[in-house]
Amino acid sequence: MFSWPELGTRVTLRYRRPPGSVPPLTDAVGHLVAVDPVVRVRTKTGAVVEVSPEDVVALRVLTDAPVRTSEIRALEHAAAAATPGAERVWLEGWLLRAGDGVDYAVPLDVSARAGTVAAIADWYERRGLTPRLAIPDRLLPLPPGLSAERTERVLVRDVAAPAPDGPEPCPTTLARAALSDAPDGTRWVGLSAAGNDPATAATCEALLAGAAARGATRAYLVADGTGVLPLADALGFRAHHSRRYFAARSPAWDTV
């Protein structure tokens, strides 16, 4: 019995092939999208390998496919532009937002340093808010002993303009999309959805097609937990990077 990692983790599986196969074992490398009732791994080509859990003989967790820090920073700029908040200021390389559900600071500029965290905490506390930080992978060195309150996975895919007989517009109550531009010129569409049913998937595809018609070439979706991963898998999204949230008043910041 294996201790399965979190869905969305990049793994390599060694599993038994049907009796009489030569060789008797083979491997699958990709992102884990299900473990029950069958193990499902989406490979880099988009194909999904399905294996009975009883046939898996070895499991190894891999790091995600390499993504440049500049690509993470550009996508995070676009995501921040899509959710500007009611109040928005820059402080020594950090973007601070308050209101409209984005009460946290992000180190978006290369000049951002951990030494600014105390001033960030003061800014939020003056507004009666709990100071929190959202720190994407590799954008800021973290002090030892710091524990994340939660982690999000940011997933991406390409989008293309629809064919003449492509998806028809669908009601947008099942999902939402927001267009924004990254500093490198890429136009992104941020997708959010609550369900995993075929109607939600069809709505998402229509929203992505509509965004492509307005110049978007890339799409992102944020997974907080595992609930949205089946939909992300069905739509062809791939892991890009993680974003972790921290308390700004943690004693660990005093060590930097």
Protein backbone atom coordinates (compact mmCIF):
# COMPACT_ATOMS: atom_id res chain seq x y z
CA MET A 1 0.00 0.00 0.00
CA PHE A 2 1.42 3.37 -1.07
CA SER A 3 1.13 6.69 0.70
CA TRP A 4 -0.10 8.71 -2.27
CA PRO A 5 1.08 12.32 -2.61
CA GLU A 6 -1.28 15.24 -3.16
CA LEU A 7 -3.20 15.21 -6.44
CA GLY A 8 -1.43 17.36 -8.98
CA THR A 9 2.02 16.17 -7.88
CA ARG A 10 4.41 15.14 -10.63
CA VAL A 11 5.33 11.46 -10.20
CA THR A 12 6.80 8.44 -11.91
CA LEU A 13 4.98 5.11 -11.54
CA ARG A 14 6.29 1.64 -12.30
CA TYR A 15 3.43 -0.77 -12.87
CA ARG A 16 2.67 -4.28 -14.10
CA ARG A 17 1.48 -4.74 -17.66
CA PRO A 18 -1.12 -7.40 -18.58
CA PRO A 19 0.04 -11.04 -18.13
CA GLY A 20 2.33 -12.17 -20.93
CA SER A 21 3.51 -8.64 -21.81
CA VAL A 22 7.17 -8.11 -22.67
CA PRO A 23 8.58 -6.39 -20.75
CA PRO A 24 6.31 -7.20 -17.80
CA LEU A 25 6.74 -3.75 -16.21
CA THR A 26 6.65 -0.21 -17.60
CA ASP A 27 6.70 3.38 -16.33
CA ALA A 28 4.42 6.41 -16.51
CA VAL A 29 5.68 9.93 -15.79
CA GLY A 30 3.32 12.86 -15.30
CA HIS A 31 0.95 14.57 -12.90
CA LEU A 32 -1.16 12.46 -10.57
CA VAL A 33 -4.84 13.24 -11.17
CA ALA A 34 -6.60 10.37 -9.37
CA VAL A 35 -5.84 7.40 -7.11
CA ASP A 36 -9.27 5.81 -6.61
CA PRO A 37 -10.80 3.67 -8.00
CA VAL A 38 -7.92 3.70 -10.52
CA VAL A 39 -4.63 5.57 -10.57
CA ARG A 40 -4.56 8.18 -13.34
CA VAL A 41 -1.43 10.03 -14.50
CA ARG A 42 -1.50 12.75 -17.16
CA THR A 43 1.75 12.71 -19.17
CA LYS A 44 3.41 15.75 -20.78
CA THR A 45 1.74 14.87 -24.11
CA GLY A 46 -1.69 15.16 -22.50
CA ALA A 47 -2.40 11.43 -22.61
CA VAL A 48 -3.80 9.88 -19.43
CA VAL A 49 -2.43 6.54 -18.23
CA GLU A 50 -4.86 4.50 -16.09
CA VAL A 51 -3.51 1.79 -13.78
CA SER A 52 -5.09 -0.40 -11.15
CA PRO A 53 -3.65 0.49 -7.73
CA GLU A 54 -2.79 -3.19 -7.21
CA ASP A 55 -0.52 -3.12 -10.28
CA VAL A 56 1.64 -0.23 -9.07
CA VAL A 57 4.97 -1.61 -7.81
CA ALA A 58 6.95 1.62 -7.31
CA LEU A 59 6.20 5.31 -6.85
CA ARG A 60 8.55 8.28 -6.89
CA VAL A 61 7.65 11.95 -6.45
CA LEU A 62 9.28 14.30 -8.96
CA THR A 63 9.68 18.03 -9.06
CA ASP A 64 7.50 19.87 -11.58
CA ALA A 65 8.91 20.48 -15.03
CA PRO A 66 11.30 23.45 -14.85
CA VAL A 67 9.74 26.90 -15.10
CA ARG A 68 11.87 30.05 -15.25
CA THR A 69 11.55 32.51 -12.38
CA SER A 70 10.82 35.26 -14.92
CA GLU A 71 7.83 33.25 -16.19
CA ILE A 72 6.46 32.90 -12.65
CA ARG A 73 6.90 36.63 -12.04
CA ALA A 74 5.18 37.55 -15.32
CA LEU A 75 2.19 35.31 -14.62
CA GLU A 76 1.86 36.65 -11.07
CA HIS A 77 1.85 40.22 -12.45
CA ALA A 78 -1.02 39.27 -14.77
CA ALA A 79 -2.93 37.54 -11.96
CA ALA A 80 -2.53 40.61 -9.73
CA ALA A 81 -3.77 42.88 -12.52
CA ALA A 82 -6.88 40.71 -12.82
CA THR A 83 -7.72 41.21 -9.10
CA PRO A 84 -6.62 44.77 -8.28
CA GLY A 85 -8.45 45.09 -4.94
CA ALA A 86 -10.16 48.21 -3.65
CA GLU A 87 -6.83 49.75 -2.58
CA ARG A 88 -3.49 49.09 -4.25
CA VAL A 89 0.00 50.44 -3.48
CA TRP A 90 3.62 49.49 -4.12
CA LEU A 91 6.09 49.31 -1.23
CA GLU A 92 9.75 48.51 -1.95
CA GLY A 93 8.98 45.92 -4.62
CA TRP A 94 5.91 44.47 -2.91
CA LEU A 95 2.38 44.94 -4.24
CA LEU A 96 -0.07 45.57 -1.37
CA ARG A 97 -3.80 45.21 -2.01
CA ALA A 98 -6.76 45.55 0.32
CA GLY A 99 -10.47 44.91 -0.19
CA ASP A 100 -12.41 42.81 -2.68
CA GLY A 101 -10.97 39.57 -1.27
CA VAL A 102 -7.27 40.26 -1.88
CA ASP A 103 -5.98 41.39 1.52
CA TYR A 104 -2.37 40.26 1.14
CA ALA A 105 0.99 41.46 -0.21
CA VAL A 106 2.99 39.84 -3.03
CA PRO A 107 6.73 40.32 -3.78
CA LEU A 108 6.34 41.02 -7.51
CA ASP A 109 9.37 43.17 -8.29
CA VAL A 110 12.92 41.82 -8.27
CA SER A 111 13.75 44.50 -5.67
CA ALA A 112 11.40 42.96 -3.04
CA ARG A 113 13.14 41.93 0.18
CA ALA A 114 12.06 40.23 3.39
CA GLY A 115 13.18 43.28 5.36
CA THR A 116 10.02 45.11 4.21
CA VAL A 117 7.65 42.65 5.93
CA ALA A 118 7.37 44.69 9.18
CA ALA A 119 6.30 47.80 7.23
CA ILE A 120 3.82 45.68 5.25
CA ALA A 121 2.30 44.39 8.51
CA ASP A 122 1.92 47.96 9.77
CA TRP A 123 0.13 48.99 6.55
CA TYR A 124 -2.50 46.28 6.89
CA GLU A 125 -2.96 46.72 10.62
CA ARG A 126 -3.65 50.45 10.17
CA ARG A 127 -6.60 49.34 8.05
CA GLY A 128 -7.85 46.86 10.64
CA LEU A 129 -6.73 43.88 8.56
CA THR A 130 -4.67 40.82 9.44
CA PRO A 131 -1.37 41.18 7.53
CA ARG A 132 -0.69 38.25 5.21
CA LEU A 133 1.81 37.53 2.47
CA ALA A 134 1.33 35.49 -0.72
CA ILE A 135 4.73 34.27 -1.88
CA PRO A 136 5.03 32.40 -5.20
CA ASP A 137 7.81 29.90 -5.75
CA ARG A 138 11.32 31.38 -5.99
CA LEU A 139 10.26 35.05 -5.83
CA LEU A 140 11.56 35.56 -2.27
CA PRO A 141 13.93 33.56 -0.04
CA LEU A 142 12.04 32.38 3.06
CA PRO A 143 13.42 32.32 6.60
CA PRO A 144 13.77 28.94 8.34
CA GLY A 145 10.95 27.85 10.60
CA LEU A 146 8.21 29.63 8.64
CA SER A 147 4.97 27.65 8.27
CA ALA A 148 2.52 28.30 5.45
CA GLU A 149 -1.13 28.86 6.31
CA ARG A 150 -2.19 27.38 2.97
CA THR A 151 -0.80 26.55 -0.47
CA GLU A 152 -2.26 27.10 -3.93
CA ARG A 153 -1.20 25.47 -7.18
CA VAL A 154 -1.21 27.66 -10.26
CA LEU A 155 -1.98 25.66 -13.42
CA VAL A 156 -1.69 26.84 -17.02
CA ARG A 157 -2.54 25.94 -20.60
CA ASP A 158 -2.45 27.52 -24.04
CA VAL A 159 -5.61 28.90 -25.62
CA ALA A 160 -6.41 29.39 -29.28
CA ALA A 161 -9.06 31.29 -31.17
CA PRO A 162 -12.14 29.12 -31.83
CA ALA A 163 -12.89 27.62 -35.20
CA PRO A 164 -16.06 28.88 -36.96
CA ASP A 165 -17.95 25.89 -35.57
CA GLY A 166 -16.27 26.13 -32.15
CA PRO A 167 -17.93 26.40 -28.71
CA GLU A 168 -21.02 28.55 -28.51
CA PRO A 169 -21.24 31.14 -25.72
CA CYS A 170 -22.52 29.61 -22.49
CA PRO A 171 -24.11 31.14 -19.38
CA THR A 172 -21.34 32.41 -17.11
CA THR A 173 -22.93 31.48 -13.77
CA LEU A 174 -20.81 28.30 -13.65
CA ALA A 175 -17.43 29.94 -14.22
CA ARG A 176 -15.74 33.31 -14.63
CA ALA A 177 -12.83 34.58 -16.72
CA ALA A 178 -10.69 37.71 -16.39
CA LEU A 179 -8.29 39.08 -19.02
CA SER A 180 -5.02 40.79 -18.07
CA ASP A 181 -1.60 41.44 -19.56
CA ALA A 182 1.82 40.39 -18.23
CA PRO A 183 4.88 42.65 -18.48
CA ASP A 184 6.33 40.37 -21.19
CA GLY A 185 3.34 41.13 -23.43
CA THR A 186 1.48 37.86 -22.91
CA ARG A 187 -2.28 38.29 -22.58
CA TRP A 188 -3.61 35.88 -19.96
CA VAL A 189 -7.10 34.75 -19.09
CA GLY A 190 -7.67 33.77 -15.47
CA LEU A 191 -10.33 31.11 -15.07
CA SER A 192 -12.32 30.32 -11.92
CA ALA A 193 -15.02 27.69 -11.49
CA ALA A 194 -16.68 25.83 -8.65
CA GLY A 195 -17.97 22.64 -10.26
CA ASN A 196 -16.48 19.62 -12.01
CA ASP A 197 -19.47 18.60 -14.13
CA PRO A 198 -19.63 18.57 -17.95
CA ALA A 199 -21.72 21.76 -18.03
CA THR A 200 -19.03 23.63 -16.10
CA ALA A 201 -16.31 22.27 -18.38
CA ALA A 202 -18.28 23.36 -21.46
CA THR A 203 -18.75 26.83 -19.98
CA CYS A 204 -15.02 27.08 -19.25
CA GLU A 205 -14.12 26.07 -22.80
CA ALA A 206 -16.48 28.72 -24.17
CA LEU A 207 -14.97 31.37 -21.88
CA LEU A 208 -11.45 30.40 -22.96
CA ALA A 209 -12.43 30.56 -26.60
CA GLY A 210 -13.98 33.98 -26.07
CA ALA A 211 -10.82 35.19 -24.34
CA ALA A 212 -8.70 33.87 -27.22
CA ALA A 213 -10.82 35.88 -29.63
CA ARG A 214 -9.87 38.95 -27.56
CA GLY A 215 -6.14 38.25 -27.81
CA ALA A 216 -5.44 35.84 -24.94
CA THR A 217 -2.86 33.16 -25.71
CA ARG A 218 -2.41 31.61 -22.25
CA ALA A 219 -4.78 30.67 -19.43
CA TYR A 220 -4.26 30.07 -15.72
CA LEU A 221 -6.37 28.46 -13.03
CA VAL A 222 -5.65 28.47 -9.28
CA ALA A 223 -6.28 25.28 -7.29
CA ASP A 224 -6.71 25.71 -3.54
CA GLY A 225 -6.91 22.08 -2.42
CA THR A 226 -7.91 19.23 -4.71
CA GLY A 227 -11.52 20.13 -5.56
CA VAL A 228 -10.78 21.87 -8.85
CA LEU A 229 -8.13 19.40 -10.07
CA PRO A 230 -10.52 17.07 -11.94
CA LEU A 231 -11.84 20.06 -13.91
CA ALA A 232 -8.31 21.33 -14.52
CA ASP A 233 -7.31 17.89 -15.76
CA ALA A 234 -10.31 17.66 -18.09
CA LEU A 235 -9.48 21.10 -19.54
CA GLY A 236 -5.80 20.24 -20.09
CA PHE A 237 -4.22 22.52 -17.49
CA ARG A 238 -0.67 21.70 -16.30
CA ALA A 239 1.12 22.62 -13.06
CA HIS A 240 3.19 25.82 -13.36
CA HIS A 241 4.14 26.87 -9.82
CA SER A 242 2.86 27.09 -6.26
CA ARG A 243 1.89 30.08 -4.16
CA ARG A 244 2.05 29.92 -0.37
CA TYR A 245 0.42 32.20 2.19
CA PHE A 246 2.10 33.30 5.42
CA ALA A 247 1.32 35.46 8.44
CA ALA A 248 3.34 38.69 8.24
CA ARG A 249 3.69 38.83 12.02
CA SER A 250 5.35 35.41 12.33
CA PRO A 251 8.45 35.52 14.59
CA ALA A 252 10.38 33.84 11.75
CA TRP A 253 10.47 37.15 9.86
CA ASP A 254 12.41 38.69 12.75
CA THR A 255 15.41 36.53 11.78
CA VAL A 256 15.92 38.17 8.38
